[in-house]
C-alpha atoms as a PDB file:
ATOM      1  CA  UNK A   1       0.075   0.074   0.056  1.00  0.00           C
ATOM      2  CA  UNK A   2       1.294   3.447  -0.884  1.00  0.00           C
ATOM      3  CA  UNK A   3       0.750   6.158   1.574  1.00  0.00           C
ATOM      4  CA  UNK A   4       3.160   8.724   0.099  1.00  0.00           C
ATOM      5  CA  UNK A   5       0.688  10.448  -2.278  1.00  0.00           C
ATOM      6  CA  UNK A   6       2.331   8.988  -5.515  1.00  0.00           C
ATOM      7  CA  UNK A   7       0.162   8.048  -8.470  1.00  0.00           C
ATOM      8  CA  UNK A   8      -0.414   4.253  -8.408  1.00  0.00           C
ATOM      9  CA  UNK A   9      -1.647   2.662 -11.659  1.00  0.00           C
ATOM     10  CA  UNK A  10      -3.371  -0.715 -12.501  1.00  0.00           C
ATOM     11  CA  UNK A  11      -2.823  -2.885 -15.379  1.00  0.00           C
ATOM     12  CA  UNK A  12      -4.934  -0.741 -17.713  1.00  0.00           C
ATOM     13  CA  UNK A  13      -2.795   2.369 -16.789  1.00  0.00           C
ATOM     14  CA  UNK A  14      -5.670   3.852 -14.929  1.00  0.00           C
ATOM     15  CA  UNK A  15      -4.746   6.083 -11.766  1.00  0.00           C
ATOM     16  CA  UNK A  16      -5.992   4.282  -8.673  1.00  0.00           C
ATOM     17  CA  UNK A  17      -7.232   5.630  -5.361  1.00  0.00           C
ATOM     18  CA  UNK A  18      -7.013   4.041  -1.898  1.00  0.00           C
ATOM     19  CA  UNK A  19      -9.734   5.141   0.702  1.00  0.00           C
ATOM     20  CA  UNK A  20      -8.695   3.924   4.115  1.00  0.00           C
ATOM     21  CA  UNK A  21     -10.677   3.984   7.387  1.00  0.00           C
ATOM     22  CA  UNK A  22      -8.143   4.226  10.305  1.00  0.00           C
ATOM     23  CA  UNK A  23      -9.158   2.627  13.601  1.00  0.00           C
ATOM     24  CA  UNK A  24     -10.738   4.913  16.056  1.00  0.00           C
ATOM     25  CA  UNK A  25      -8.854   4.665  19.670  1.00  0.00           C
ATOM     26  CA  UNK A  26     -11.925   5.934  21.519  1.00  0.00           C
ATOM     27  CA  UNK A  27     -13.946   2.976  20.504  1.00  0.00           C
ATOM     28  CA  UNK A  28     -14.032  -0.502  22.009  1.00  0.00           C
ATOM     29  CA  UNK A  29     -11.737  -2.439  19.623  1.00  0.00           C
ATOM     30  CA  UNK A  30     -14.494  -4.990  18.686  1.00  0.00           C
ATOM     31  CA  UNK A  31     -17.078  -2.245  18.073  1.00  0.00           C
ATOM     32  CA  UNK A  32     -14.590  -0.431  15.891  1.00  0.00           C
ATOM     33  CA  UNK A  33     -13.982  -3.393  13.827  1.00  0.00           C
ATOM     34  CA  UNK A  34     -17.665  -3.991  13.370  1.00  0.00           C
ATOM     35  CA  UNK A  35     -18.401  -0.405  12.311  1.00  0.00           C
ATOM     36  CA  UNK A  36     -15.442  -0.166  10.017  1.00  0.00           C
ATOM     37  CA  UNK A  37     -16.647  -3.385   8.288  1.00  0.00           C
ATOM     38  CA  UNK A  38     -20.238  -2.311   7.971  1.00  0.00           C
ATOM     39  CA  UNK A  39     -19.447   1.201   6.574  1.00  0.00           C
ATOM     40  CA  UNK A  40     -16.876  -0.171   4.245  1.00  0.00           C
ATOM     41  CA  UNK A  41     -19.198  -2.811   2.893  1.00  0.00           C
ATOM     42  CA  UNK A  42     -22.040  -0.144   2.671  1.00  0.00           C
ATOM     43  CA  UNK A  43     -19.961   2.192   0.675  1.00  0.00           C
ATOM     44  CA  UNK A  44     -18.783  -0.354  -1.781  1.00  0.00           C
ATOM     45  CA  UNK A  45     -22.310  -1.614  -2.354  1.00  0.00           C
ATOM     46  CA  UNK A  46     -23.596   1.901  -3.274  1.00  0.00           C
ATOM     47  CA  UNK A  47     -20.518   2.335  -5.585  1.00  0.00           C
ATOM     48  CA  UNK A  48     -21.031  -0.899  -7.301  1.00  0.00           C
ATOM     49  CA  UNK A  49     -24.761  -0.341  -7.755  1.00  0.00           C
ATOM     50  CA  UNK A  50     -24.348   3.191  -9.282  1.00  0.00           C
ATOM     51  CA  UNK A  51     -21.376   2.121 -11.522  1.00  0.00           C
ATOM     52  CA  UNK A  52     -23.422  -0.932 -12.826  1.00  0.00           C
ATOM     53  CA  UNK A  53     -26.435   1.217 -13.536  1.00  0.00           C
ATOM     54  CA  UNK A  54     -24.202   3.569 -15.619  1.00  0.00           C
ATOM     55  CA  UNK A  55     -23.488   6.549 -13.320  1.00  0.00           C
ATOM     56  CA  UNK A  56     -20.030   8.244 -13.529  1.00  0.00           C
ATOM     57  CA  UNK A  57     -18.532   7.104 -10.200  1.00  0.00           C
ATOM     58  CA  UNK A  58     -15.227   5.411  -9.423  1.00  0.00           C
ATOM     59  CA  UNK A  59     -14.980   1.768 -10.555  1.00  0.00           C
ATOM     60  CA  UNK A  60     -14.433  -0.525  -7.560  1.00  0.00           C
ATOM     61  CA  UNK A  61     -10.969  -2.551  -7.836  1.00  0.00           C
ATOM     62  CA  UNK A  62     -10.633  -4.143  -4.532  1.00  0.00           C
ATOM     63  CA  UNK A  63     -12.379  -4.186  -1.126  1.00  0.00           C
ATOM     64  CA  UNK A  64     -10.860  -5.113   2.160  1.00  0.00           C
ATOM     65  CA  UNK A  65     -14.050  -4.882   4.719  1.00  0.00           C
ATOM     66  CA  UNK A  66     -12.028  -5.919   7.684  1.00  0.00           C
ATOM     67  CA  UNK A  67      -9.128  -3.323   7.228  1.00  0.00           C
ATOM     68  CA  UNK A  68     -11.586  -0.655   5.908  1.00  0.00           C
ATOM     69  CA  UNK A  69      -9.709  -0.247   2.580  1.00  0.00           C
ATOM     70  CA  UNK A  70     -11.291   0.334  -0.924  1.00  0.00           C
ATOM     71  CA  UNK A  71      -9.281   0.597  -4.022  1.00  0.00           C
ATOM     72  CA  UNK A  72     -11.030   2.526  -6.930  1.00  0.00           C
ATOM     73  CA  UNK A  73     -10.258   4.243 -10.124  1.00  0.00           C
ATOM     74  CA  UNK A  74      -9.443   7.874 -10.090  1.00  0.00           C
ATOM     75  CA  UNK A  75     -12.276  10.286 -11.401  1.00  0.00           C
ATOM     76  CA  UNK A  76     -11.544  13.713 -12.786  1.00  0.00           C
ATOM     77  CA  UNK A  77      -8.494  15.458 -14.152  1.00  0.00           C
ATOM     78  CA  UNK A  78      -6.037  18.169 -13.160  1.00  0.00           C
ATOM     79  CA  UNK A  79      -6.936  21.808 -13.734  1.00  0.00           C
ATOM     80  CA  UNK A  80      -4.362  24.327 -15.126  1.00  0.00           C
ATOM     81  CA  UNK A  81      -3.415  25.538 -11.561  1.00  0.00           C
ATOM     82  CA  UNK A  82      -2.705  21.934 -10.363  1.00  0.00           C
ATOM     83  CA  UNK A  83      -6.020  21.270  -8.366  1.00  0.00           C
ATOM     84  CA  UNK A  84      -8.168  18.288  -9.058  1.00  0.00           C
ATOM     85  CA  UNK A  85     -11.423  19.034 -11.000  1.00  0.00           C
ATOM     86  CA  UNK A  86     -13.917  19.113  -8.226  1.00  0.00           C
ATOM     87  CA  UNK A  87     -16.905  21.265  -8.884  1.00  0.00           C
ATOM     88  CA  UNK A  88     -15.723  23.839  -6.264  1.00  0.00           C
ATOM     89  CA  UNK A  89     -12.324  24.144  -7.899  1.00  0.00           C
ATOM     90  CA  UNK A  90     -13.676  24.064 -11.393  1.00  0.00           C
ATOM     91  CA  UNK A  91     -16.236  27.016 -10.610  1.00  0.00           C
ATOM     92  CA  UNK A  92     -13.444  28.969  -9.035  1.00  0.00           C
ATOM     93  CA  UNK A  93     -11.433  28.612 -12.144  1.00  0.00           C
ATOM     94  CA  UNK A  94     -14.436  29.643 -14.260  1.00  0.00           C
ATOM     95  CA  UNK A  95     -15.263  32.640 -12.139  1.00  0.00           C
ATOM     96  CA  UNK A  96     -11.713  33.956 -12.242  1.00  0.00           C
ATOM     97  CA  UNK A  97     -11.205  33.631 -15.929  1.00  0.00           C
ATOM     98  CA  UNK A  98     -11.392  36.845 -18.039  1.00  0.00           C
ATOM     99  CA  UNK A  99     -13.794  35.090 -20.394  1.00  0.00           C
ATOM    100  CA  UNK A 100     -16.239  33.688 -17.925  1.00  0.00           C
ATOM    101  CA  UNK A 101     -18.872  31.985 -19.803  1.00  0.00           C
ATOM    102  CA  UNK A 102     -22.256  31.819 -18.023  1.00  0.00           C
ATOM    103  CA  UNK A 103     -23.693  29.378 -20.459  1.00  0.00           C
ATOM    104  CA  UNK A 104     -20.864  26.877 -19.901  1.00  0.00           C
ATOM    105  CA  UNK A 105     -21.309  27.063 -16.114  1.00  0.00           C
ATOM    106  CA  UNK A 106     -25.146  26.752 -16.502  1.00  0.00           C
ATOM    107  CA  UNK A 107     -24.811  23.691 -18.408  1.00  0.00           C
ATOM    108  CA  UNK A 108     -22.530  21.939 -15.967  1.00  0.00           C
ATOM    109  CA  UNK A 109     -24.748  22.874 -13.062  1.00  0.00           C
ATOM    110  CA  UNK A 110     -27.902  21.626 -14.774  1.00  0.00           C
ATOM    111  CA  UNK A 111     -25.723  18.377 -15.517  1.00  0.00           C
ATOM    112  CA  UNK A 112     -25.211  18.256 -11.759  1.00  0.00           C
ATOM    113  CA  UNK A 113     -28.833  18.603 -10.807  1.00  0.00           C
ATOM    114  CA  UNK A 114     -29.764  16.013 -13.326  1.00  0.00           C
ATOM    115  CA  UNK A 115     -27.212  13.509 -11.993  1.00  0.00           C
ATOM    116  CA  UNK A 116     -28.515  13.946  -8.566  1.00  0.00           C
ATOM    117  CA  UNK A 117     -32.085  13.584  -9.653  1.00  0.00           C
ATOM    118  CA  UNK A 118     -31.310  10.346 -11.417  1.00  0.00           C
ATOM    119  CA  UNK A 119     -29.254   9.038  -8.379  1.00  0.00           C
ATOM    120  CA  UNK A 120     -32.175   9.767  -6.218  1.00  0.00           C
ATOM    121  CA  UNK A 121     -34.671   8.101  -8.556  1.00  0.00           C
ATOM    122  CA  UNK A 122     -32.273   5.173  -8.417  1.00  0.00           C
ATOM    123  CA  UNK A 123     -32.806   4.920  -4.546  1.00  0.00           C
ATOM    124  CA  UNK A 124     -29.425   6.432  -3.447  1.00  0.00           C
ATOM    125  CA  UNK A 125     -28.900   9.359  -1.351  1.00  0.00           C
ATOM    126  CA  UNK A 126     -25.187  10.639  -1.106  1.00  0.00           C
ATOM    127  CA  UNK A 127     -25.213  12.141   2.509  1.00  0.00           C
ATOM    128  CA  UNK A 128     -22.477  14.365   2.004  1.00  0.00           C
ATOM    129  CA  UNK A 129     -23.207  16.143  -1.145  1.00  0.00           C
ATOM    130  CA  UNK A 130     -20.616  19.143  -1.173  1.00  0.00           C
ATOM    131  CA  UNK A 131     -18.937  20.736  -4.077  1.00  0.00           C
ATOM    132  CA  UNK A 132     -15.756  18.913  -3.249  1.00  0.00           C
ATOM    133  CA  UNK A 133     -17.364  15.539  -3.806  1.00  0.00           C
ATOM    134  CA  UNK A 134     -18.731  16.436  -7.259  1.00  0.00           C
ATOM    135  CA  UNK A 135     -16.268  15.960 -10.106  1.00  0.00           C
ATOM    136  CA  UNK A 136     -16.235  17.807 -13.502  1.00  0.00           C
ATOM    137  CA  UNK A 137     -14.699  15.940 -16.322  1.00  0.00           C
ATOM    138  CA  UNK A 138     -12.831  17.247 -19.266  1.00  0.00           C
ATOM    139  CA  UNK A 139     -15.789  16.854 -21.630  1.00  0.00           C
ATOM    140  CA  UNK A 140     -17.895  18.810 -18.846  1.00  0.00           C
ATOM    141  CA  UNK A 141     -19.842  15.695 -17.824  1.00  0.00           C
ATOM    142  CA  UNK A 142     -19.905  15.175 -14.085  1.00  0.00           C
ATOM    143  CA  UNK A 143     -19.263  12.487 -11.646  1.00  0.00           C
ATOM    144  CA  UNK A 144     -19.554  11.857  -7.900  1.00  0.00           C
ATOM    145  CA  UNK A 145     -17.186  10.425  -5.395  1.00  0.00           C
ATOM    146  CA  UNK A 146     -17.027   9.560  -1.508  1.00  0.00           C
ATOM    147  CA  UNK A 147     -20.049   7.509  -0.630  1.00  0.00           C
ATOM    148  CA  UNK A 148     -19.094   7.027   2.931  1.00  0.00           C
ATOM    149  CA  UNK A 149     -22.380   8.476   4.308  1.00  0.00           C
ATOM    150  CA  UNK A 150     -24.560   7.170   1.413  1.00  0.00           C
ATOM    151  CA  UNK A 151     -27.701   5.245   1.883  1.00  0.00           C
ATOM    152  CA  UNK A 152     -30.253   3.413  -0.158  1.00  0.00           C
ATOM    153  CA  UNK A 153     -34.082   3.469  -0.109  1.00  0.00           C
ATOM    154  CA  UNK A 154     -34.019   6.884   1.557  1.00  0.00           C
ATOM    155  CA  UNK A 155     -37.180   8.972   2.407  1.00  0.00           C
ATOM    156  CA  UNK A 156     -37.996  12.423   0.778  1.00  0.00           C
ATOM    157  CA  UNK A 157     -36.429  14.174   3.897  1.00  0.00           C
ATOM    158  CA  UNK A 158     -32.931  12.744   3.116  1.00  0.00           C
ATOM    159  CA  UNK A 159     -33.165  13.445  -0.645  1.00  0.00           C
ATOM    160  CA  UNK A 160     -34.046  17.040   0.185  1.00  0.00           C
ATOM    161  CA  UNK A 161     -31.219  17.334   2.633  1.00  0.00           C
ATOM    162  CA  UNK A 162     -28.754  16.247  -0.051  1.00  0.00           C
ATOM    163  CA  UNK A 163     -29.885  19.200  -2.117  1.00  0.00           C
ATOM    164  CA  UNK A 164     -29.780  21.450   1.018  1.00  0.00           C
ATOM    165  CA  UNK A 165     -26.187  20.573   1.885  1.00  0.00           C
ATOM    166  CA  UNK A 166     -25.229  21.245  -1.790  1.00  0.00           C
ATOM    167  CA  UNK A 167     -27.004  24.666  -1.748  1.00  0.00           C
ATOM    168  CA  UNK A 168     -25.247  25.586   1.372  1.00  0.00           C
ATOM    169  CA  UNK A 169     -21.815  24.564   0.027  1.00  0.00           C
ATOM    170  CA  UNK A 170     -22.397  26.886  -3.005  1.00  0.00           C
ATOM    171  CA  UNK A 171     -23.430  29.662  -0.803  1.00  0.00           C
ATOM    172  CA  UNK A 172     -20.310  29.415   1.346  1.00  0.00           C
ATOM    173  CA  UNK A 173     -17.823  29.163  -1.608  1.00  0.00           C
ATOM    174  CA  UNK A 174     -19.579  30.948  -4.468  1.00  0.00           C
ATOM    175  CA  UNK A 175     -21.755  33.531  -2.683  1.00  0.00           C
ATOM    176  CA  UNK A 176     -22.020  35.977  -5.376  1.00  0.00           C
ATOM    177  CA  UNK A 177     -23.341  33.406  -7.773  1.00  0.00           C
ATOM    178  CA  UNK A 178     -25.046  31.058  -5.342  1.00  0.00           C
ATOM    179  CA  UNK A 179     -28.713  31.944  -6.072  1.00  0.00           C
ATOM    180  CA  UNK A 180     -28.388  31.537  -9.824  1.00  0.00           C
ATOM    181  CA  UNK A 181     -26.368  28.312  -9.448  1.00  0.00           C
ATOM    182  CA  UNK A 182     -29.140  26.946  -7.172  1.00  0.00           C
ATOM    183  CA  UNK A 183     -31.748  27.616  -9.744  1.00  0.00           C
ATOM    184  CA  UNK A 184     -29.782  25.865 -12.417  1.00  0.00           C
ATOM    185  CA  UNK A 185     -29.353  22.769 -10.019  1.00  0.00           C
ATOM    186  CA  UNK A 186     -32.996  22.696  -9.500  1.00  0.00           C
ATOM    187  CA  UNK A 187     -33.644  22.925 -13.223  1.00  0.00           C
ATOM    188  CA  UNK A 188     -31.383  19.880 -13.834  1.00  0.00           C
ATOM    189  CA  UNK A 189     -33.149  17.999 -10.833  1.00  0.00           C
ATOM    190  CA  UNK A 190     -36.589  18.594 -12.329  1.00  0.00           C
ATOM    191  CA  UNK A 191     -35.336  17.519 -15.729  1.00  0.00           C
ATOM    192  CA  UNK A 192     -34.324  14.184 -14.172  1.00  0.00           C
ATOM    193  CA  UNK A 193     -37.877  13.961 -12.789  1.00  0.00           C
ATOM    194  CA  UNK A 194     -39.748  14.586 -16.108  1.00  0.00           C
ATOM    195  CA  UNK A 195     -41.342  11.182 -15.820  1.00  0.00           C
ATOM    196  CA  UNK A 196     -41.861  11.300 -12.112  1.00  0.00           C
ATOM    197  CA  UNK A 197     -42.869  15.073 -11.464  1.00  0.00           C
ATOM    198  CA  UNK A 198     -44.670  14.255  -8.298  1.00  0.00           C
ATOM    199  CA  UNK A 199     -41.669  12.888  -6.616  1.00  0.00           C
ATOM    200  CA  UNK A 200     -39.484  15.777  -7.672  1.00  0.00           C
ATOM    201  CA  UNK A 201     -42.078  18.344  -6.586  1.00  0.00           C
ATOM    202  CA  UNK A 202     -42.271  16.618  -3.118  1.00  0.00           C
ATOM    203  CA  UNK A 203     -38.516  16.739  -2.698  1.00  0.00           C
ATOM    204  CA  UNK A 204     -38.371  20.468  -3.769  1.00  0.00           C
ATOM    205  CA  UNK A 205     -41.277  21.373  -1.439  1.00  0.00           C
ATOM    206  CA  UNK A 206     -39.417  19.719   1.577  1.00  0.00           C
ATOM    207  CA  UNK A 207     -36.198  21.500   0.419  1.00  0.00           C
ATOM    208  CA  UNK A 208     -37.934  24.856   0.588  1.00  0.00           C
END
C-alpha cells in the first residue's frame, strides 16, 4: 500500500485511489471493527450499484472490509492551476477567468442537478453532497465520489437534505453566484424527474 501520495496505476494504466478508514482509539476494539466493516461494505455496495447502472462514479477494484480499505479508479482531471477538478475548484477557475462563460457554467450545473435527480430516483442518497465531492470531467460531464455516508431507499427528507447541503456549500464558496447556481441545479433536478414529477415536486417542497 502506497501512503506517500504518489500516483499508482493498475494494469490498464488507470490511476488508482485508496480510501482507508483508520481505527478509532476511542472506540472499543470489537465495536470499531464492526463499524469499519459495515461502513466499508455499505459504501462499496452503493458504488457498485451506481457504477453498474451507468453512473459516472469510481470503479471498484478491491475491497478489504476488515481493514476498511477500498481501491478504486481515479475520477476527474487536473486543472491548469494543479488542483483536482472538483466542482468547487472548477467553478473557481471559471469565475476567475477573463472570458467567464455563463452558459458553460449553467450547462454543468444543470448536469449536476440531473445527475443527483437520477441518483435519487435510483434509490441512493449521497449524504455528504458538497462541491468537493462532485467532479467535473474534461468533456464537462460530471461524476460523484466519496459515498461513505450514502444510503439506499431513503425518504424524501434525506433527498431534500442532499440538495440543501449542496446549496449551502455553493453559498459558502460561491456566494456572489449562489442564487443563480441553485436555480440551475433545481432545473436539472426537475429535468431528471420529467417522468416522475410528483416525486420531484415533493422533494423540492421539502427543500423549501
